[in-house]
Amino acid sequence: MADSESFSAPGCWTACTKFGRTTKGMLLLAEIILCLVILICFIASTPAYSSLSVVEMILAAVFFVIYTCGLSTRINIINWPWSDFFRTFIAAILYLIISIVVLVEKGNNSKIVAGVIGLIASGLFGFDAYFTFPLRQQRHAPAPTDPADGSV
């Protein structure tokens, strides 16, 4: 019964807004919006570099849905923290490279705007990679230092 309520329209909207308020949710929404803006700028100037924005926007949306629906806890075959880390780390490096190439080429205004926003996106993806780095997150409680029985 609880599963059917979580997939209903009001339950889904509540889950989306609840996850969207977390740090990870805000990072994923910002990545989706930046990828969309970069995609629009690249389509206006030259479609040669638009594939990275399309792929990263789709991947960020997929991870947003996975984390919103709680599928990361249900699907244990994939290590989600490492998958998300590699996605964001590779995106940060690729956006940095493509943005530098676009800014060096000196195209029209929309190409320059896409390059500058690409540098911002590179920083955002880099911060997301740092934030989701699995070894940085503590997964266990610290061991107690006091003896359990009270004797010394």
Protein backbone atom coordinates (compact mmCIF):
# COMPACT_ATOMS: atom_id res chain seq x y z
CA MET A 1 0.00 0.00 0.00
CA ALA A 2 2.82 2.40 0.83
CA ASP A 3 4.53 1.70 -2.50
CA SER A 4 1.39 2.50 -4.48
CA GLU A 5 0.97 5.76 -2.56
CA SER A 6 4.55 6.84 -3.26
CA PHE A 7 4.06 6.42 -7.01
CA SER A 8 0.75 8.30 -7.15
CA ALA A 9 0.76 11.86 -8.47
CA PRO A 10 0.64 13.70 -5.10
CA GLY A 11 3.15 11.26 -3.56
CA CYS A 12 5.50 11.62 -6.50
CA TRP A 13 5.33 15.42 -6.34
CA THR A 14 6.03 15.31 -2.60
CA ALA A 15 9.01 13.01 -3.16
CA CYS A 16 10.37 15.28 -5.93
CA THR A 17 10.08 18.43 -3.84
CA LYS A 18 11.47 16.69 -0.77
CA PHE A 19 14.54 15.42 -2.67
CA GLY A 20 14.85 18.69 -4.60
CA ARG A 21 15.43 20.54 -1.32
CA THR A 22 18.44 18.42 -0.41
CA THR A 23 21.96 19.41 -1.43
CA LYS A 24 22.23 16.56 -3.92
CA GLY A 25 18.82 17.40 -5.38
CA MET A 26 19.74 21.05 -5.86
CA LEU A 27 23.04 20.07 -7.48
CA LEU A 28 21.28 17.73 -9.93
CA LEU A 29 18.64 20.35 -10.80
CA ALA A 30 21.36 22.97 -11.34
CA GLU A 31 23.26 20.53 -13.59
CA ILE A 32 20.13 19.86 -15.66
CA ILE A 33 19.42 23.59 -16.06
CA LEU A 34 23.03 24.47 -16.95
CA CYS A 35 23.21 21.64 -19.49
CA LEU A 36 19.98 22.89 -21.08
CA VAL A 37 21.29 26.47 -21.31
CA ILE A 38 24.60 25.30 -22.77
CA LEU A 39 22.74 23.11 -25.25
CA ILE A 40 20.62 26.06 -26.40
CA CYS A 41 23.73 28.25 -26.81
CA PHE A 42 25.58 25.57 -28.77
CA ILE A 43 22.59 24.92 -31.04
CA ALA A 44 22.39 28.66 -31.77
CA SER A 45 26.07 28.87 -32.74
CA THR A 46 27.39 25.47 -33.79
CA PRO A 47 25.93 22.03 -33.04
CA ALA A 48 29.39 20.44 -32.99
CA TYR A 49 29.74 20.48 -29.19
CA SER A 50 26.12 19.89 -28.20
CA SER A 51 26.37 16.13 -27.66
CA LEU A 52 28.08 16.48 -24.26
CA SER A 53 25.27 18.69 -22.98
CA VAL A 54 22.62 16.27 -24.20
CA VAL A 55 24.29 13.24 -22.61
CA GLU A 56 24.98 14.96 -19.29
CA MET A 57 21.47 16.42 -19.10
CA ILE A 58 19.94 12.98 -19.67
CA LEU A 59 22.27 11.33 -17.14
CA ALA A 60 21.56 14.00 -14.51
CA ALA A 61 17.82 13.56 -15.06
CA VAL A 62 18.14 9.78 -14.75
CA PHE A 63 20.11 10.10 -11.50
CA PHE A 64 17.53 12.63 -10.22
CA VAL A 65 14.73 10.12 -10.85
CA ILE A 66 16.75 7.26 -9.32
CA TYR A 67 17.47 9.20 -6.15
CA THR A 68 13.95 10.66 -5.94
CA CYS A 69 12.21 7.29 -6.22
CA GLY A 70 14.68 5.60 -3.88
CA LEU A 71 15.80 3.15 -6.55
CA SER A 72 19.40 3.49 -5.39
CA THR A 73 18.50 1.50 -2.28
CA ARG A 74 16.43 -1.07 -4.18
CA ILE A 75 18.86 -1.81 -7.03
CA ASN A 76 21.97 -3.18 -5.35
CA ILE A 77 23.70 -4.45 -8.49
CA ILE A 78 25.09 -0.99 -9.28
CA ASN A 79 27.26 0.94 -6.84
CA TRP A 80 25.41 4.26 -7.08
CA PRO A 81 27.85 6.51 -5.19
CA TRP A 82 30.77 5.47 -7.41
CA SER A 83 28.63 5.70 -10.56
CA ASP A 84 27.56 9.21 -9.64
CA PHE A 85 31.13 10.19 -8.76
CA PHE A 86 32.54 9.00 -12.09
CA ARG A 87 29.67 10.68 -13.98
CA THR A 88 30.33 14.05 -12.37
CA PHE A 89 34.14 13.77 -12.47
CA ILE A 90 34.21 12.92 -16.17
CA ALA A 91 31.66 15.65 -16.92
CA ALA A 92 33.78 18.23 -15.09
CA ILE A 93 36.87 17.30 -17.09
CA LEU A 94 35.03 17.19 -20.44
CA TYR A 95 33.23 20.50 -19.84
CA LEU A 96 36.54 22.13 -18.90
CA ILE A 97 38.22 20.88 -22.09
CA ILE A 98 35.34 21.78 -24.39
CA SER A 99 34.87 25.21 -22.79
CA ILE A 100 38.54 26.07 -23.22
CA VAL A 101 38.45 24.93 -26.85
CA VAL A 102 35.30 26.95 -27.54
CA LEU A 103 36.71 30.09 -25.91
CA VAL A 104 39.98 29.80 -27.83
CA GLU A 105 38.13 29.47 -31.17
CA LYS A 106 36.50 32.91 -30.68
CA GLY A 107 33.14 32.39 -32.34
CA ASN A 108 29.98 34.43 -32.13
CA ASN A 109 28.39 35.65 -28.88
CA SER A 110 26.35 32.53 -28.17
CA LYS A 111 29.46 30.38 -28.52
CA ILE A 112 31.34 32.57 -26.04
CA VAL A 113 28.40 32.46 -23.62
CA ALA A 114 28.30 28.67 -23.94
CA GLY A 115 32.03 28.52 -23.18
CA VAL A 116 31.71 30.69 -20.08
CA ILE A 117 28.67 28.78 -18.81
CA GLY A 118 30.57 25.58 -19.60
CA LEU A 119 33.34 26.72 -17.25
CA ILE A 120 30.70 27.36 -14.58
CA ALA A 121 29.23 23.92 -15.25
CA SER A 122 32.70 22.41 -14.96
CA GLY A 123 33.02 23.94 -11.51
CA LEU A 124 29.54 22.72 -10.55
CA PHE A 125 30.25 19.18 -11.73
CA GLY A 126 33.61 19.28 -9.94
CA PHE A 127 31.93 20.33 -6.69
CA ASP A 128 29.34 17.58 -7.17
CA ALA A 129 32.15 15.06 -7.69
CA TYR A 130 33.78 16.24 -4.46
CA PHE A 131 30.44 16.16 -2.64
CA THR A 132 29.61 12.62 -3.81
CA PHE A 133 33.08 11.10 -3.41
CA PRO A 134 32.26 7.80 -1.68
CA LEU A 135 35.41 7.55 0.45
CA ARG A 136 34.73 11.01 1.91
CA GLN A 137 31.38 9.87 3.30
CA GLN A 138 31.40 8.09 6.63
CA ARG A 139 29.25 4.97 6.43
CA HIS A 140 29.67 3.49 9.89
CA ALA A 141 29.31 4.68 13.45
CA PRO A 142 32.49 5.13 15.46
CA ALA A 143 33.41 2.32 17.81
CA PRO A 144 32.57 2.94 21.47
CA THR A 145 35.58 3.74 23.63
CA ASP A 146 33.97 2.97 27.00
CA PRO A 147 33.68 -0.64 28.15
CA ALA A 148 30.12 -1.95 27.91
CA ASP A 149 30.05 -3.65 31.32
CA GLY A 150 31.36 -0.67 33.28
CA SER A 151 34.41 -2.39 34.82
CA VAL A 152 37.88 -1.01 34.27
